[in-house]
Amino acid sequence: MAKDISRTEEQFRAAMAECRSLFEKKLHDYGPSWRILRPSSLTDQLFIKAKRIRSLEVKKESLVGEGIKPEFIALINYGIVGLIQLEKGFADTPDITNGEAMSLYDRFAGEALQLMLKKNHDYDEAWRSMRVSSYTDFILTKIQRVKEIEDLDGATLVSEGIDANYMDIINYAVFGVIKLSCE
């Protein structure tokens, strides 16, 4: 079992390195323009990415030519953006440097890895036996929960917060990237 968990950590790190590389390139091209996203807009961005994955899974065809894996990568990167936005709040104009953005990205990616390792230990690699379509459905469920929490202005009774849902979205999306990379 320790070998499987070690392999999972290695695969997780490789998937996150791919996501980080794309994030850094987009940061070069656009700067931290995402800093202007309000929470509900970010949630909607996550929603359209997850809905596109589900649509592609159901229709089995992409007219745009982009597949499911790039959308999982987008969910990971927007999930990390969401965590940054929760911590810093949104801004009217980009207010951090690219270097600060990358530092925050790395911190939250590291936190996602640590959470995955803890949960993976407790769940005994269950994600490996799941279908990729289940990751999609769980991500859509997490996004719906975020919408509900936003509509309640965060005043939940027993639920985890938006940050926990973003972390779960990131981790399910990483599992999707890993599985799709192995096919």
N, C-alpha and C. Protein backbone atom coordinates (compact mmCIF):
# COMPACT_ATOMS: atom_id res chain seq x y z
N MET A 1 0.83 -1.21 0.00
CA MET A 1 0.00 0.00 0.00
C MET A 1 0.86 1.26 0.00
N ALA A 2 1.96 1.25 0.76
CA ALA A 2 2.82 2.44 0.80
C ALA A 2 3.37 2.77 -0.58
N LYS A 3 3.62 1.72 -1.38
CA LYS A 3 4.11 1.93 -2.74
C LYS A 3 3.06 2.64 -3.59
N ASP A 4 1.78 2.23 -3.44
CA ASP A 4 0.70 2.88 -4.18
C ASP A 4 0.56 4.35 -3.80
N ILE A 5 0.63 4.61 -2.49
CA ILE A 5 0.50 6.00 -2.02
C ILE A 5 1.67 6.83 -2.52
N SER A 6 2.86 6.24 -2.53
CA SER A 6 4.04 6.94 -3.05
C SER A 6 3.86 7.23 -4.54
N ARG A 7 3.30 6.27 -5.29
CA ARG A 7 3.05 6.47 -6.71
C ARG A 7 2.00 7.57 -6.91
N THR A 8 0.98 7.57 -6.05
CA THR A 8 -0.05 8.61 -6.14
C THR A 8 0.57 9.98 -5.91
N GLU A 9 1.43 10.11 -4.92
CA GLU A 9 2.07 11.40 -4.67
C GLU A 9 2.90 11.84 -5.88
N GLU A 10 3.63 10.90 -6.47
CA GLU A 10 4.44 11.22 -7.65
C GLU A 10 3.55 11.65 -8.82
N GLN A 11 2.45 10.94 -9.04
CA GLN A 11 1.53 11.29 -10.12
C GLN A 11 0.85 12.62 -9.85
N PHE A 12 0.50 12.87 -8.60
CA PHE A 12 -0.13 14.13 -8.22
C PHE A 12 0.82 15.28 -8.51
N ARG A 13 2.06 15.13 -8.09
CA ARG A 13 3.06 16.18 -8.32
C ARG A 13 3.27 16.44 -9.81
N ALA A 14 3.28 15.38 -10.61
CA ALA A 14 3.46 15.54 -12.06
C ALA A 14 2.27 16.28 -12.67
N ALA A 15 1.07 15.91 -12.25
CA ALA A 15 -0.13 16.60 -12.76
C ALA A 15 -0.11 18.07 -12.36
N MET A 16 0.25 18.34 -11.12
CA MET A 16 0.29 19.73 -10.65
C MET A 16 1.39 20.52 -11.36
N ALA A 17 2.49 19.87 -11.71
CA ALA A 17 3.55 20.57 -12.44
C ALA A 17 3.05 20.98 -13.82
N GLU A 18 2.26 20.12 -14.46
CA GLU A 18 1.66 20.46 -15.76
C GLU A 18 0.71 21.65 -15.61
N CYS A 19 -0.09 21.63 -14.56
CA CYS A 19 -1.03 22.73 -14.32
C CYS A 19 -0.29 24.03 -14.01
N ARG A 20 0.75 23.92 -13.19
CA ARG A 20 1.53 25.09 -12.80
C ARG A 20 2.18 25.73 -14.02
N SER A 21 2.71 24.90 -14.90
CA SER A 21 3.36 25.41 -16.11
C SER A 21 2.37 26.22 -16.96
N LEU A 22 1.18 25.68 -17.15
CA LEU A 22 0.17 26.41 -17.92
C LEU A 22 -0.24 27.70 -17.20
N PHE A 23 -0.43 27.63 -15.89
CA PHE A 23 -0.80 28.81 -15.10
C PHE A 23 0.26 29.90 -15.26
N GLU A 24 1.52 29.50 -15.16
CA GLU A 24 2.62 30.47 -15.27
C GLU A 24 2.66 31.11 -16.66
N LYS A 25 2.41 30.32 -17.70
CA LYS A 25 2.40 30.87 -19.06
C LYS A 25 1.23 31.83 -19.25
N LYS A 26 0.07 31.48 -18.72
CA LYS A 26 -1.08 32.39 -18.84
C LYS A 26 -0.85 33.64 -18.00
N LEU A 27 -0.19 33.48 -16.87
CA LEU A 27 0.14 34.64 -16.04
C LEU A 27 1.07 35.58 -16.80
N HIS A 28 1.99 35.02 -17.55
CA HIS A 28 2.87 35.84 -18.38
C HIS A 28 2.07 36.63 -19.42
N ASP A 29 1.12 35.93 -20.06
CA ASP A 29 0.34 36.55 -21.14
C ASP A 29 -0.69 37.55 -20.65
N TYR A 30 -1.36 37.23 -19.54
CA TYR A 30 -2.51 38.03 -19.09
C TYR A 30 -2.29 38.75 -17.76
N GLY A 31 -1.19 38.42 -17.06
CA GLY A 31 -1.03 38.94 -15.71
C GLY A 31 -2.09 38.34 -14.80
N PRO A 32 -2.16 38.81 -13.58
CA PRO A 32 -3.16 38.28 -12.64
C PRO A 32 -4.53 38.95 -12.84
N SER A 33 -4.99 38.94 -14.09
CA SER A 33 -6.27 39.58 -14.42
C SER A 33 -7.44 38.95 -13.66
N TRP A 34 -7.28 37.70 -13.24
CA TRP A 34 -8.33 37.01 -12.49
C TRP A 34 -8.58 37.63 -11.12
N ARG A 35 -7.73 38.52 -10.68
CA ARG A 35 -7.93 39.17 -9.37
C ARG A 35 -9.24 39.96 -9.33
N ILE A 36 -9.80 40.33 -10.49
CA ILE A 36 -11.05 41.10 -10.49
C ILE A 36 -12.29 40.21 -10.34
N LEU A 37 -12.11 38.89 -10.42
CA LEU A 37 -13.26 37.99 -10.32
C LEU A 37 -13.87 38.01 -8.92
N ARG A 38 -15.16 38.30 -8.87
CA ARG A 38 -15.89 38.18 -7.61
C ARG A 38 -16.19 36.69 -7.38
N PRO A 39 -16.48 36.31 -6.14
CA PRO A 39 -16.69 34.89 -5.85
C PRO A 39 -17.72 34.21 -6.75
N SER A 40 -18.85 34.85 -6.99
CA SER A 40 -19.89 34.21 -7.81
C SER A 40 -19.43 34.01 -9.25
N SER A 41 -18.65 34.93 -9.77
CA SER A 41 -18.13 34.79 -11.14
C SER A 41 -17.14 33.64 -11.23
N LEU A 42 -16.31 33.50 -10.22
CA LEU A 42 -15.36 32.39 -10.19
C LEU A 42 -16.11 31.05 -10.10
N THR A 43 -17.14 31.02 -9.29
CA THR A 43 -17.95 29.81 -9.18
C THR A 43 -18.57 29.47 -10.52
N ASP A 44 -19.07 30.47 -11.23
CA ASP A 44 -19.64 30.23 -12.55
C ASP A 44 -18.59 29.74 -13.54
N GLN A 45 -17.38 30.24 -13.44
CA GLN A 45 -16.30 29.77 -14.33
C GLN A 45 -16.00 28.30 -14.06
N LEU A 46 -15.93 27.93 -12.79
CA LEU A 46 -15.74 26.52 -12.44
C LEU A 46 -16.90 25.68 -12.99
N PHE A 47 -18.11 26.21 -12.86
CA PHE A 47 -19.31 25.50 -13.31
C PHE A 47 -19.26 25.22 -14.82
N ILE A 48 -18.90 26.23 -15.61
CA ILE A 48 -18.92 26.00 -17.06
C ILE A 48 -17.83 25.01 -17.48
N LYS A 49 -16.71 25.01 -16.79
CA LYS A 49 -15.66 24.04 -17.10
C LYS A 49 -16.13 22.63 -16.77
N ALA A 50 -16.74 22.46 -15.61
CA ALA A 50 -17.22 21.12 -15.20
C ALA A 50 -18.38 20.66 -16.09
N LYS A 51 -19.27 21.59 -16.45
CA LYS A 51 -20.38 21.23 -17.33
C LYS A 51 -19.86 20.81 -18.71
N ARG A 52 -18.82 21.45 -19.17
CA ARG A 52 -18.26 21.07 -20.47
C ARG A 52 -17.68 19.65 -20.39
N ILE A 53 -17.01 19.33 -19.30
CA ILE A 53 -16.50 17.97 -19.15
C ILE A 53 -17.65 16.98 -19.20
N ARG A 54 -18.69 17.26 -18.46
CA ARG A 54 -19.85 16.34 -18.44
C ARG A 54 -20.48 16.22 -19.83
N SER A 55 -20.59 17.34 -20.52
CA SER A 55 -21.15 17.33 -21.87
C SER A 55 -20.29 16.45 -22.80
N LEU A 56 -18.98 16.60 -22.72
CA LEU A 56 -18.09 15.79 -23.55
C LEU A 56 -18.17 14.31 -23.18
N GLU A 57 -18.32 14.03 -21.89
CA GLU A 57 -18.45 12.63 -21.46
C GLU A 57 -19.73 12.00 -22.01
N VAL A 58 -20.80 12.78 -22.03
CA VAL A 58 -22.09 12.26 -22.49
C VAL A 58 -22.14 12.18 -24.01
N LYS A 59 -21.71 13.26 -24.69
CA LYS A 59 -21.80 13.32 -26.16
C LYS A 59 -20.69 12.54 -26.86
N LYS A 60 -19.57 12.36 -26.15
CA LYS A 60 -18.42 11.64 -26.71
C LYS A 60 -17.84 12.33 -27.95
N GLU A 61 -18.06 13.64 -28.06
CA GLU A 61 -17.58 14.38 -29.23
C GLU A 61 -17.36 15.84 -28.83
N SER A 62 -16.28 16.40 -29.33
CA SER A 62 -15.99 17.82 -29.12
C SER A 62 -15.94 18.52 -30.47
N LEU A 63 -16.79 19.50 -30.64
CA LEU A 63 -16.77 20.26 -31.89
C LEU A 63 -15.68 21.34 -31.87
N VAL A 64 -15.21 21.69 -30.68
CA VAL A 64 -14.16 22.69 -30.55
C VAL A 64 -12.78 22.06 -30.72
N GLY A 65 -12.70 20.76 -30.45
CA GLY A 65 -11.44 20.06 -30.64
C GLY A 65 -10.61 19.91 -29.38
N GLU A 66 -11.02 20.52 -28.31
CA GLU A 66 -10.30 20.37 -27.05
C GLU A 66 -10.98 19.29 -26.23
N GLY A 67 -10.19 18.48 -25.56
CA GLY A 67 -10.73 17.35 -24.83
C GLY A 67 -11.02 17.65 -23.37
N ILE A 68 -11.19 16.58 -22.63
CA ILE A 68 -11.58 16.66 -21.22
C ILE A 68 -10.40 17.05 -20.32
N LYS A 69 -9.23 16.51 -20.60
CA LYS A 69 -8.08 16.78 -19.73
C LYS A 69 -7.79 18.27 -19.57
N PRO A 70 -7.80 19.07 -20.66
CA PRO A 70 -7.55 20.51 -20.46
C PRO A 70 -8.58 21.18 -19.55
N GLU A 71 -9.80 20.66 -19.54
CA GLU A 71 -10.83 21.24 -18.67
C GLU A 71 -10.57 20.87 -17.21
N PHE A 72 -10.07 19.65 -16.95
CA PHE A 72 -9.68 19.29 -15.59
C PHE A 72 -8.53 20.18 -15.12
N ILE A 73 -7.59 20.45 -16.03
CA ILE A 73 -6.47 21.35 -15.69
C ILE A 73 -7.01 22.74 -15.36
N ALA A 74 -7.97 23.21 -16.15
CA ALA A 74 -8.58 24.51 -15.86
C ALA A 74 -9.26 24.51 -14.49
N LEU A 75 -9.95 23.42 -14.15
CA LEU A 75 -10.60 23.34 -12.84
C LEU A 75 -9.57 23.43 -11.71
N ILE A 76 -8.45 22.78 -11.89
CA ILE A 76 -7.38 22.85 -10.88
C ILE A 76 -6.90 24.28 -10.74
N ASN A 77 -6.58 24.91 -11.86
CA ASN A 77 -6.04 26.27 -11.79
C ASN A 77 -7.06 27.27 -11.28
N TYR A 78 -8.31 27.16 -11.72
CA TYR A 78 -9.34 28.06 -11.19
C TYR A 78 -9.64 27.75 -9.73
N GLY A 79 -9.52 26.49 -9.33
CA GLY A 79 -9.70 26.16 -7.91
C GLY A 79 -8.66 26.85 -7.05
N ILE A 80 -7.42 26.85 -7.53
CA ILE A 80 -6.36 27.55 -6.79
C ILE A 80 -6.60 29.05 -6.81
N VAL A 81 -7.04 29.58 -7.94
CA VAL A 81 -7.41 31.01 -8.00
C VAL A 81 -8.50 31.29 -6.97
N GLY A 82 -9.46 30.38 -6.86
CA GLY A 82 -10.54 30.55 -5.88
C GLY A 82 -10.01 30.64 -4.46
N LEU A 83 -9.05 29.79 -4.13
CA LEU A 83 -8.46 29.84 -2.79
C LEU A 83 -7.73 31.16 -2.56
N ILE A 84 -7.04 31.62 -3.58
CA ILE A 84 -6.34 32.92 -3.47
C ILE A 84 -7.37 34.03 -3.26
N GLN A 85 -8.45 34.01 -4.04
CA GLN A 85 -9.48 35.04 -3.93
C GLN A 85 -10.15 35.00 -2.56
N LEU A 86 -10.38 33.81 -2.02
CA LEU A 86 -10.97 33.72 -0.68
C LEU A 86 -10.08 34.38 0.36
N GLU A 87 -8.78 34.17 0.21
CA GLU A 87 -7.84 34.74 1.18
C GLU A 87 -7.69 36.24 1.01
N LYS A 88 -7.56 36.70 -0.23
CA LYS A 88 -7.25 38.11 -0.48
C LYS A 88 -8.45 38.98 -0.79
N GLY A 89 -9.60 38.35 -1.13
CA GLY A 89 -10.73 39.12 -1.61
C GLY A 89 -10.48 39.52 -3.06
N PHE A 90 -11.53 39.95 -3.73
CA PHE A 90 -11.34 40.38 -5.12
C PHE A 90 -10.88 41.83 -5.15
N ALA A 91 -10.34 42.24 -6.28
CA ALA A 91 -9.81 43.60 -6.44
C ALA A 91 -10.44 44.23 -7.68
N ASP A 92 -10.43 45.53 -7.73
CA ASP A 92 -10.96 46.23 -8.91
C ASP A 92 -9.99 46.20 -10.08
N THR A 93 -8.71 46.06 -9.76
CA THR A 93 -7.67 45.92 -10.78
C THR A 93 -6.65 44.90 -10.25
N PRO A 94 -5.90 44.28 -11.12
CA PRO A 94 -4.87 43.36 -10.63
C PRO A 94 -3.93 44.08 -9.66
N ASP A 95 -3.74 43.47 -8.51
CA ASP A 95 -3.01 44.15 -7.43
C ASP A 95 -1.87 43.32 -6.85
N ILE A 96 -1.49 42.27 -7.55
CA ILE A 96 -0.34 41.48 -7.13
C ILE A 96 0.57 41.26 -8.33
N THR A 97 1.82 40.99 -8.05
CA THR A 97 2.77 40.72 -9.13
C THR A 97 2.63 39.25 -9.56
N ASN A 98 3.20 38.95 -10.71
CA ASN A 98 3.21 37.57 -11.16
C ASN A 98 3.95 36.67 -10.17
N GLY A 99 5.02 37.20 -9.61
CA GLY A 99 5.77 36.44 -8.61
C GLY A 99 4.94 36.13 -7.37
N GLU A 100 4.18 37.12 -6.90
CA GLU A 100 3.30 36.88 -5.75
C GLU A 100 2.23 35.85 -6.10
N ALA A 101 1.70 35.95 -7.31
CA ALA A 101 0.68 35.01 -7.75
C ALA A 101 1.23 33.59 -7.76
N MET A 102 2.44 33.41 -8.25
CA MET A 102 3.05 32.08 -8.31
C MET A 102 3.35 31.55 -6.91
N SER A 103 3.76 32.43 -6.02
CA SER A 103 4.02 32.02 -4.65
C SER A 103 2.73 31.52 -3.98
N LEU A 104 1.65 32.26 -4.17
CA LEU A 104 0.35 31.84 -3.64
C LEU A 104 -0.11 30.53 -4.30
N TYR A 105 0.09 30.42 -5.60
CA TYR A 105 -0.26 29.19 -6.31
C TYR A 105 0.46 28.00 -5.68
N ASP A 106 1.76 28.14 -5.49
CA ASP A 106 2.56 27.05 -4.93
C ASP A 106 2.11 26.68 -3.52
N ARG A 107 1.78 27.69 -2.73
CA ARG A 107 1.32 27.41 -1.37
C ARG A 107 0.03 26.60 -1.38
N PHE A 108 -0.95 27.03 -2.17
CA PHE A 108 -2.23 26.32 -2.19
C PHE A 108 -2.11 24.97 -2.87
N ALA A 109 -1.26 24.83 -3.87
CA ALA A 109 -1.02 23.53 -4.50
C ALA A 109 -0.43 22.57 -3.47
N GLY A 110 0.47 23.08 -2.64
CA GLY A 110 1.06 22.27 -1.57
C GLY A 110 0.02 21.84 -0.54
N GLU A 111 -0.88 22.76 -0.20
CA GLU A 111 -1.94 22.42 0.75
C GLU A 111 -2.89 21.37 0.16
N ALA A 112 -3.16 21.47 -1.14
CA ALA A 112 -4.02 20.47 -1.80
C ALA A 112 -3.34 19.10 -1.77
N LEU A 113 -2.04 19.07 -2.02
CA LEU A 113 -1.29 17.81 -1.95
C LEU A 113 -1.36 17.20 -0.56
N GLN A 114 -1.15 18.02 0.46
CA GLN A 114 -1.18 17.49 1.83
C GLN A 114 -2.56 16.95 2.19
N LEU A 115 -3.61 17.64 1.78
CA LEU A 115 -4.96 17.16 2.03
C LEU A 115 -5.20 15.84 1.30
N MET A 116 -4.78 15.76 0.05
CA MET A 116 -4.95 14.53 -0.72
C MET A 116 -4.23 13.37 -0.05
N LEU A 117 -3.02 13.60 0.42
CA LEU A 117 -2.27 12.52 1.07
C LEU A 117 -2.99 12.00 2.31
N LYS A 118 -3.54 12.90 3.10
CA LYS A 118 -4.28 12.49 4.30
C LYS A 118 -5.53 11.71 3.94
N LYS A 119 -6.31 12.24 3.01
CA LYS A 119 -7.55 11.56 2.61
C LYS A 119 -7.24 10.25 1.90
N ASN A 120 -6.22 10.25 1.06
CA ASN A 120 -5.87 9.03 0.33
C ASN A 120 -5.45 7.93 1.30
N HIS A 121 -4.76 8.30 2.35
CA HIS A 121 -4.40 7.32 3.37
C HIS A 121 -5.65 6.71 3.99
N ASP A 122 -6.61 7.55 4.35
CA ASP A 122 -7.82 7.07 5.00
C ASP A 122 -8.74 6.28 4.07
N TYR A 123 -8.74 6.65 2.80
CA TYR A 123 -9.64 6.00 1.83
C TYR A 123 -8.96 4.88 1.04
N ASP A 124 -7.70 4.60 1.34
CA ASP A 124 -6.99 3.48 0.71
C ASP A 124 -7.03 3.49 -0.82
N GLU A 125 -6.68 4.61 -1.42
CA GLU A 125 -6.57 4.66 -2.88
C GLU A 125 -7.88 4.38 -3.60
N ALA A 126 -9.01 4.63 -2.97
CA ALA A 126 -10.32 4.35 -3.58
C ALA A 126 -10.49 5.08 -4.91
N TRP A 127 -9.88 6.23 -5.06
CA TRP A 127 -10.03 7.02 -6.28
C TRP A 127 -9.59 6.25 -7.52
N ARG A 128 -8.65 5.32 -7.35
CA ARG A 128 -8.15 4.56 -8.49
C ARG A 128 -9.22 3.64 -9.09
N SER A 129 -10.19 3.24 -8.28
CA SER A 129 -11.26 2.35 -8.75
C SER A 129 -12.48 3.11 -9.24
N MET A 130 -12.44 4.41 -9.14
CA MET A 130 -13.57 5.23 -9.57
C MET A 130 -13.49 5.55 -11.06
N ARG A 131 -14.62 5.86 -11.63
CA ARG A 131 -14.70 6.30 -13.01
C ARG A 131 -14.41 7.80 -13.07
N VAL A 132 -13.82 8.24 -14.17
CA VAL A 132 -13.55 9.67 -14.35
C VAL A 132 -14.87 10.45 -14.31
N SER A 133 -15.93 9.86 -14.85
CA SER A 133 -17.23 10.55 -14.84
C SER A 133 -17.72 10.81 -13.42
N SER A 134 -17.32 9.97 -12.47
CA SER A 134 -17.70 10.22 -11.08
C SER A 134 -16.98 11.45 -10.54
N TYR A 135 -15.72 11.63 -10.91
CA TYR A 135 -15.01 12.85 -10.49
C TYR A 135 -15.78 14.07 -10.99
N THR A 136 -16.23 14.00 -12.24
CA THR A 136 -16.98 15.12 -12.82
C THR A 136 -18.24 15.40 -12.02
N ASP A 137 -18.99 14.36 -11.71
CA ASP A 137 -20.23 14.54 -10.95
C ASP A 137 -19.96 15.07 -9.55
N PHE A 138 -18.90 14.57 -8.90
CA PHE A 138 -18.56 15.07 -7.57
C PHE A 138 -18.14 16.54 -7.62
N ILE A 139 -17.40 16.91 -8.67
CA ILE A 139 -17.00 18.30 -8.83
C ILE A 139 -18.22 19.19 -9.04
N LEU A 140 -19.15 18.76 -9.88
CA LEU A 140 -20.38 19.53 -10.08
C LEU A 140 -21.16 19.66 -8.78
N THR A 141 -21.18 18.61 -7.98
CA THR A 141 -21.85 18.66 -6.67
C THR A 141 -21.17 19.68 -5.77
N LYS A 142 -19.85 19.66 -5.75
CA LYS A 142 -19.10 20.62 -4.92
C LYS A 142 -19.37 22.05 -5.38
N ILE A 143 -19.44 22.27 -6.69
CA ILE A 143 -19.73 23.61 -7.21
C ILE A 143 -21.13 24.04 -6.79
N GLN A 144 -22.09 23.13 -6.86
CA GLN A 144 -23.46 23.45 -6.41
C GLN A 144 -23.46 23.82 -4.94
N ARG A 145 -22.68 23.10 -4.15
CA ARG A 145 -22.58 23.43 -2.72
C ARG A 145 -22.00 24.82 -2.51
N VAL A 146 -20.98 25.15 -3.29
CA VAL A 146 -20.39 26.50 -3.20
C VAL A 146 -21.45 27.55 -3.52
N LYS A 147 -22.24 27.31 -4.57
CA LYS A 147 -23.31 28.26 -4.92
C LYS A 147 -24.28 28.44 -3.76
N GLU A 148 -24.65 27.34 -3.13
CA GLU A 148 -25.58 27.41 -1.99
C GLU A 148 -24.96 28.20 -0.83
N ILE A 149 -23.70 27.93 -0.54
CA ILE A 149 -23.02 28.65 0.54
C ILE A 149 -22.93 30.14 0.22
N GLU A 150 -22.63 30.45 -1.05
CA GLU A 150 -22.60 31.86 -1.46
C GLU A 150 -23.97 32.50 -1.29
N ASP A 151 -25.03 31.79 -1.67
CA ASP A 151 -26.39 32.32 -1.53
C ASP A 151 -26.77 32.53 -0.06
N LEU A 152 -26.16 31.74 0.83
CA LEU A 152 -26.40 31.89 2.27
C LEU A 152 -25.44 32.91 2.90
N ASP A 153 -24.65 33.57 2.07
CA ASP A 153 -23.60 34.49 2.55
C ASP A 153 -22.68 33.82 3.56
N GLY A 154 -22.43 32.53 3.34
CA GLY A 154 -21.51 31.79 4.19
C GLY A 154 -22.07 31.33 5.52
N ALA A 155 -23.34 31.62 5.79
CA ALA A 155 -23.94 31.29 7.09
C ALA A 155 -24.46 29.85 7.08
N THR A 156 -23.56 28.90 7.08
CA THR A 156 -23.94 27.49 7.10
C THR A 156 -24.10 27.02 8.55
N LEU A 157 -24.80 25.92 8.71
CA LEU A 157 -25.01 25.36 10.05
C LEU A 157 -23.98 24.28 10.38
N VAL A 158 -23.73 23.38 9.45
CA VAL A 158 -22.83 22.26 9.74
C VAL A 158 -21.84 21.97 8.62
N SER A 159 -21.92 22.68 7.55
CA SER A 159 -21.15 22.35 6.36
C SER A 159 -19.73 22.92 6.39
N GLU A 160 -18.86 22.25 5.62
CA GLU A 160 -17.53 22.78 5.41
C GLU A 160 -17.66 24.07 4.60
N GLY A 161 -16.64 24.87 4.62
CA GLY A 161 -16.70 26.14 3.91
C GLY A 161 -16.37 26.01 2.43
N ILE A 162 -16.39 27.14 1.77
CA ILE A 162 -16.08 27.19 0.35
C ILE A 162 -14.67 26.69 0.09
N ASP A 163 -13.73 27.04 0.96
CA ASP A 163 -12.34 26.61 0.76
C ASP A 163 -12.21 25.10 0.72
N ALA A 164 -12.92 24.39 1.58
CA ALA A 164 -12.87 22.92 1.58
C ALA A 164 -13.43 22.35 0.29
N ASN A 165 -14.47 22.98 -0.23
CA ASN A 165 -15.03 22.54 -1.51
C ASN A 165 -14.06 22.80 -2.66
N TYR A 166 -13.38 23.94 -2.65
CA TYR A 166 -12.37 24.21 -3.68
C TYR A 166 -11.25 23.17 -3.62
N MET A 167 -10.81 22.83 -2.42
CA MET A 167 -9.76 21.82 -2.27
C MET A 167 -10.21 20.48 -2.85
N ASP A 168 -11.45 20.10 -2.56
CA ASP A 168 -11.97 18.84 -3.10
C ASP A 168 -12.08 18.89 -4.63
N ILE A 169 -12.49 20.03 -5.16
CA ILE A 169 -12.56 20.19 -6.62
C ILE A 169 -11.17 20.01 -7.22
N ILE A 170 -10.19 20.66 -6.63
CA ILE A 170 -8.81 20.53 -7.11
C ILE A 170 -8.38 19.07 -7.10
N ASN A 171 -8.60 18.39 -5.98
CA ASN A 171 -8.12 17.02 -5.86
C ASN A 171 -8.85 16.06 -6.79
N TYR A 172 -10.16 16.19 -6.93
CA TYR A 172 -10.86 15.33 -7.89
C TYR A 172 -10.38 15.61 -9.31
N ALA A 173 -10.13 16.87 -9.63
CA ALA A 173 -9.65 17.21 -10.96
C ALA A 173 -8.25 16.65 -11.20
N VAL A 174 -7.40 16.67 -10.18
CA VAL A 174 -6.07 16.07 -10.32
C VAL A 174 -6.21 14.57 -10.59
N PHE A 175 -7.11 13.92 -9.89
CA PHE A 175 -7.33 12.49 -10.16
C PHE A 175 -7.76 12.29 -11.61
N GLY A 176 -8.60 13.18 -12.12
CA GLY A 176 -9.00 13.11 -13.52
C GLY A 176 -7.83 13.26 -14.46
N VAL A 177 -6.96 14.22 -14.19
CA VAL A 177 -5.77 14.42 -15.02
C VAL A 177 -4.88 13.18 -14.97
N ILE A 178 -4.69 12.62 -13.79
CA ILE A 178 -3.85 11.43 -13.66
C ILE A 178 -4.44 10.28 -14.49
N LYS A 179 -5.72 10.02 -14.30
CA LYS A 179 -6.35 8.91 -15.03
C LYS A 179 -6.30 9.13 -16.53
N LEU A 180 -6.59 10.33 -16.98
CA LEU A 180 -6.58 10.62 -18.43
C LEU A 180 -5.17 10.60 -19.00
N SER A 181 -4.17 10.87 -18.19
CA SER A 181 -2.79 10.83 -18.64
C SER A 181 -2.29 9.40 -18.79
N CYS A 182 -2.93 8.49 -18.10
CA CYS A 182 -2.52 7.07 -18.14
C CYS A 182 -3.21 6.31 -19.24
N GLU A 183 -4.19 6.90 -19.90
CA GLU A 183 -4.94 6.19 -20.95
C GLU A 183 -4.18 6.20 -22.27
